[in-house]
Structure formats: C-alpha cells, structure tokens
Amino acid sequence: QVQFVESGGGLGQPGGSLRVSCLASGFPFSTYFMSWYRQAPGKERELVAWISNGRETTEYIDSVVGRFTISRADAKNTLYLQMNKLKPEDTALYYCNRGAHPSASSVSSSWGQGTPVIVSS
C-alpha cells in the first residue's frame, strides 16, 4: 500500500536551515508529481511546494519562494525539502504526498506521520 515516511525535522533557528525528507513506497514514485504540505498548530494543512515527475517544474507558495527548494531522488524513492532562511512562521508538521494540488486525484488518502519543524531562538 502507499506509504510515506517523513524525517529530518527538528529545531531550527530563525535564519537557519533544515532539510526534511520523505521516503515513499507502494507506488511507482518516479511517475508521480510530488508535494510537500505543512500544518501549523491550530491551522489547516496547506500545500507548500510541488515538483513534477522528471523534475522539470517546481512551484511554491509565495511565503517560501526564494527560501525553500523541493527536489527528488527517484532512484531512492525520496522527496526532499531544503528550507533556508527559516522563519518562526515555518513552524509546522511537514508531510509529503502525491500530486500537485490538494484536490488532485493522485493524492493518497494515506498520510505519513509528518516530521516536526520548530523555528525558534
């Protein structure tokens, strides 16, 4: 079955960097668009960034443009999110899933446990 295992979160300082990873299984990873989502305390989950299969196209929400970079290693079935110039408002649980939009038919109903990112001095 489809599974996502997110890792790499932790405590980061404002202006610092973190990289989170997502190991996917149960489907042909290289053929799917992939996305990172986040859910801050008391807020709904939001799409942060997505990457096309083949890596030609990436898109980001305005608040992370120029700071975050999404990438993928298809040989490892792994999705990455490099987060630079961290801000306290980046504090959230970070999740990955398939597709480029929350309403895409490719989005799996099986979500991972997420990985926490806490930005604080």
C-alpha atoms as a PDB file:
ATOM      1  CA  GLN A   1       0.000   0.000   0.000  1.00  0.00           C
ATOM      2  CA  VAL A   2       1.000   3.623  -0.393  1.00  0.00           C
ATOM      3  CA  GLN A   3       3.226   4.821   2.435  1.00  0.00           C
ATOM      4  CA  PHE A   4       5.130   7.978   3.245  1.00  0.00           C
ATOM      5  CA  VAL A   5       7.759   8.267   5.973  1.00  0.00           C
ATOM      6  CA  GLU A   6       8.867  11.808   6.668  1.00  0.00           C
ATOM      7  CA  SER A   7      12.041  12.577   8.585  1.00  0.00           C
ATOM      8  CA  GLY A   8      14.666  15.211   9.207  1.00  0.00           C
ATOM      9  CA  GLY A   9      12.678  17.821  11.068  1.00  0.00           C
ATOM     10  CA  GLY A  10      13.771  19.366  14.303  1.00  0.00           C
ATOM     11  CA  LEU A  11      14.619  22.633  15.953  1.00  0.00           C
ATOM     12  CA  GLY A  12      15.950  25.378  13.724  1.00  0.00           C
ATOM     13  CA  GLN A  13      16.938  28.932  14.457  1.00  0.00           C
ATOM     14  CA  PRO A  14      15.499  31.922  12.619  1.00  0.00           C
ATOM     15  CA  GLY A  15      17.640  32.441   9.556  1.00  0.00           C
ATOM     16  CA  GLY A  16      18.938  28.895   9.722  1.00  0.00           C
ATOM     17  CA  SER A  17      18.414  25.839   7.539  1.00  0.00           C
ATOM     18  CA  LEU A  18      16.856  22.384   7.759  1.00  0.00           C
ATOM     19  CA  ARG A  19      16.220  19.649   5.238  1.00  0.00           C
ATOM     20  CA  VAL A  20      13.320  17.256   5.515  1.00  0.00           C
ATOM     21  CA  SER A  21      12.982  14.007   3.605  1.00  0.00           C
ATOM     22  CA  CYS A  22      10.130  11.727   2.588  1.00  0.00           C
ATOM     23  CA  LEU A  23      10.618   8.071   1.734  1.00  0.00           C
ATOM     24  CA  ALA A  24       7.721   6.844  -0.399  1.00  0.00           C
ATOM     25  CA  SER A  25       6.692   3.269  -1.163  1.00  0.00           C
ATOM     26  CA  GLY A  26       3.855   1.253  -2.645  1.00  0.00           C
ATOM     27  CA  PHE A  27       3.611   3.062  -5.985  1.00  0.00           C
ATOM     28  CA  PRO A  28       5.856   3.980  -8.963  1.00  0.00           C
ATOM     29  CA  PHE A  29       7.376   7.085  -7.389  1.00  0.00           C
ATOM     30  CA  SER A  30       9.139   8.388 -10.496  1.00  0.00           C
ATOM     31  CA  THR A  31       5.880   8.672 -12.446  1.00  0.00           C
ATOM     32  CA  TYR A  32       4.099  10.936  -9.948  1.00  0.00           C
ATOM     33  CA  PHE A  33       4.140  14.644  -9.243  1.00  0.00           C
ATOM     34  CA  MET A  34       5.009  15.030  -5.553  1.00  0.00           C
ATOM     35  CA  SER A  35       4.259  17.687  -2.969  1.00  0.00           C
ATOM     36  CA  TRP A  36       5.153  18.926   0.462  1.00  0.00           C
ATOM     37  CA  TYR A  37       2.425  20.102   2.824  1.00  0.00           C
ATOM     38  CA  ARG A  38       2.577  21.591   6.297  1.00  0.00           C
ATOM     39  CA  GLN A  39       0.165  22.040   9.159  1.00  0.00           C
ATOM     40  CA  ALA A  40       0.852  24.643  11.787  1.00  0.00           C
ATOM     41  CA  PRO A  41      -0.710  24.425  15.237  1.00  0.00           C
ATOM     42  CA  GLY A  42      -4.361  25.437  15.082  1.00  0.00           C
ATOM     43  CA  LYS A  43      -4.337  25.799  11.303  1.00  0.00           C
ATOM     44  CA  GLU A  44      -5.376  23.696   8.344  1.00  0.00           C
ATOM     45  CA  ARG A  45      -2.873  21.751   6.305  1.00  0.00           C
ATOM     46  CA  GLU A  46      -1.539  23.729   3.348  1.00  0.00           C
ATOM     47  CA  LEU A  47       0.357  22.854   0.207  1.00  0.00           C
ATOM     48  CA  VAL A  48       3.887  24.277   0.332  1.00  0.00           C
ATOM     49  CA  ALA A  49       5.560  23.109  -2.873  1.00  0.00           C
ATOM     50  CA  TRP A  50       5.294  20.545  -5.631  1.00  0.00           C
ATOM     51  CA  ILE A  51       7.599  19.024  -8.224  1.00  0.00           C
ATOM     52  CA  SER A  52       6.729  17.350 -11.485  1.00  0.00           C
ATOM     53  CA  ASN A  53       7.786  13.875 -12.473  1.00  0.00           C
ATOM     54  CA  GLY A  54      11.020  14.334 -14.383  1.00  0.00           C
ATOM     55  CA  ARG A  55      11.795  17.381 -12.180  1.00  0.00           C
ATOM     56  CA  GLU A  56      11.219  19.945 -14.937  1.00  0.00           C
ATOM     57  CA  THR A  57       8.740  22.018 -12.965  1.00  0.00           C
ATOM     58  CA  THR A  58       8.523  23.180  -9.378  1.00  0.00           C
ATOM     59  CA  GLU A  59       6.067  25.563  -7.718  1.00  0.00           C
ATOM     60  CA  TYR A  60       5.994  27.167  -4.286  1.00  0.00           C
ATOM     61  CA  ILE A  61       3.600  29.165  -2.179  1.00  0.00           C
ATOM     62  CA  ASP A  62       4.534  32.830  -2.015  1.00  0.00           C
ATOM     63  CA  SER A  63       5.698  32.736   1.584  1.00  0.00           C
ATOM     64  CA  VAL A  64       8.537  30.278   0.854  1.00  0.00           C
ATOM     65  CA  VAL A  65       9.665  31.447  -2.588  1.00  0.00           C
ATOM     66  CA  GLY A  66      13.413  32.029  -2.590  1.00  0.00           C
ATOM     67  CA  ARG A  67      13.852  30.184   0.692  1.00  0.00           C
ATOM     68  CA  PHE A  68      12.667  26.598   0.125  1.00  0.00           C
ATOM     69  CA  THR A  69      13.715  24.148  -2.585  1.00  0.00           C
ATOM     70  CA  ILE A  70      11.871  20.943  -3.401  1.00  0.00           C
ATOM     71  CA  SER A  71      13.774  18.118  -5.070  1.00  0.00           C
ATOM     72  CA  ARG A  72      13.539  14.390  -5.611  1.00  0.00           C
ATOM     73  CA  ALA A  73      15.784  11.352  -5.982  1.00  0.00           C
ATOM     74  CA  ASP A  74      13.761   8.883  -7.979  1.00  0.00           C
ATOM     75  CA  ALA A  75      16.319   6.091  -7.590  1.00  0.00           C
ATOM     76  CA  LYS A  76      15.781   6.345  -3.839  1.00  0.00           C
ATOM     77  CA  ASN A  77      12.002   6.953  -3.907  1.00  0.00           C
ATOM     78  CA  THR A  78      12.752  10.039  -1.833  1.00  0.00           C
ATOM     79  CA  LEU A  79      11.439  13.600  -1.830  1.00  0.00           C
ATOM     80  CA  TYR A  80      13.306  16.460  -0.177  1.00  0.00           C
ATOM     81  CA  LEU A  81      12.568  19.960   1.017  1.00  0.00           C
ATOM     82  CA  GLN A  82      15.545  22.186   1.699  1.00  0.00           C
ATOM     83  CA  MET A  83      14.469  25.053   3.943  1.00  0.00           C
ATOM     84  CA  ASN A  84      16.732  28.083   4.243  1.00  0.00           C
ATOM     85  CA  LYS A  85      16.275  31.452   5.932  1.00  0.00           C
ATOM     86  CA  LEU A  86      13.828  29.855   8.334  1.00  0.00           C
ATOM     87  CA  LYS A  87      11.169  31.985   9.975  1.00  0.00           C
ATOM     88  CA  PRO A  88       9.101  31.277  13.102  1.00  0.00           C
ATOM     89  CA  GLU A  89       6.013  31.038  10.872  1.00  0.00           C
ATOM     90  CA  ASP A  90       7.559  27.980   9.189  1.00  0.00           C
ATOM     91  CA  THR A  91       6.907  26.051  12.410  1.00  0.00           C
ATOM     92  CA  ALA A  92       4.638  23.135  11.479  1.00  0.00           C
ATOM     93  CA  LEU A  93       4.360  19.418  10.860  1.00  0.00           C
ATOM     94  CA  TYR A  94       5.617  18.722   7.356  1.00  0.00           C
ATOM     95  CA  TYR A  95       4.062  15.983   5.220  1.00  0.00           C
ATOM     96  CA  CYS A  96       4.533  14.708   1.693  1.00  0.00           C
ATOM     97  CA  ASN A  97       2.024  13.241  -0.729  1.00  0.00           C
ATOM     98  CA  ARG A  98       1.454  12.680  -4.408  1.00  0.00           C
ATOM     99  CA  GLY A  99       0.091  15.216  -6.883  1.00  0.00           C
ATOM    100  CA  ALA A 100       0.417  18.968  -7.384  1.00  0.00           C
ATOM    101  CA  HIS A 101      -2.830  20.085  -5.769  1.00  0.00           C
ATOM    102  CA  PRO A 102      -4.801  19.010  -2.703  1.00  0.00           C
ATOM    103  CA  SER A 103      -7.749  18.046  -4.931  1.00  0.00           C
ATOM    104  CA  ALA A 104      -5.700  16.056  -7.432  1.00  0.00           C
ATOM    105  CA  SER A 105      -6.963  12.532  -7.946  1.00  0.00           C
ATOM    106  CA  SER A 106      -3.456  11.233  -7.321  1.00  0.00           C
ATOM    107  CA  VAL A 107      -3.380  12.450  -3.723  1.00  0.00           C
ATOM    108  CA  SER A 108      -3.260   9.450  -1.439  1.00  0.00           C
ATOM    109  CA  SER A 109      -5.650   9.151   1.487  1.00  0.00           C
ATOM    110  CA  SER A 110      -2.762   7.567   3.392  1.00  0.00           C
ATOM    111  CA  TRP A 111      -0.690  10.277   5.012  1.00  0.00           C
ATOM    112  CA  GLY A 112       2.533   9.765   6.911  1.00  0.00           C
ATOM    113  CA  GLN A 113       3.126  10.840  10.474  1.00  0.00           C
ATOM    114  CA  GLY A 114       4.817  14.033   9.376  1.00  0.00           C
ATOM    115  CA  THR A 115       8.047  15.494  10.662  1.00  0.00           C
ATOM    116  CA  PRO A 116       8.013  18.481  13.028  1.00  0.00           C
ATOM    117  CA  VAL A 117       9.870  21.664  12.236  1.00  0.00           C
ATOM    118  CA  ILE A 118      10.159  24.188  15.049  1.00  0.00           C
ATOM    119  CA  VAL A 119      11.769  27.524  14.361  1.00  0.00           C
ATOM    120  CA  SER A 120      12.714  29.345  17.499  1.00  0.00           C
ATOM    121  CA  SER A 121      15.636  31.169  19.031  1.00  0.00           C
END
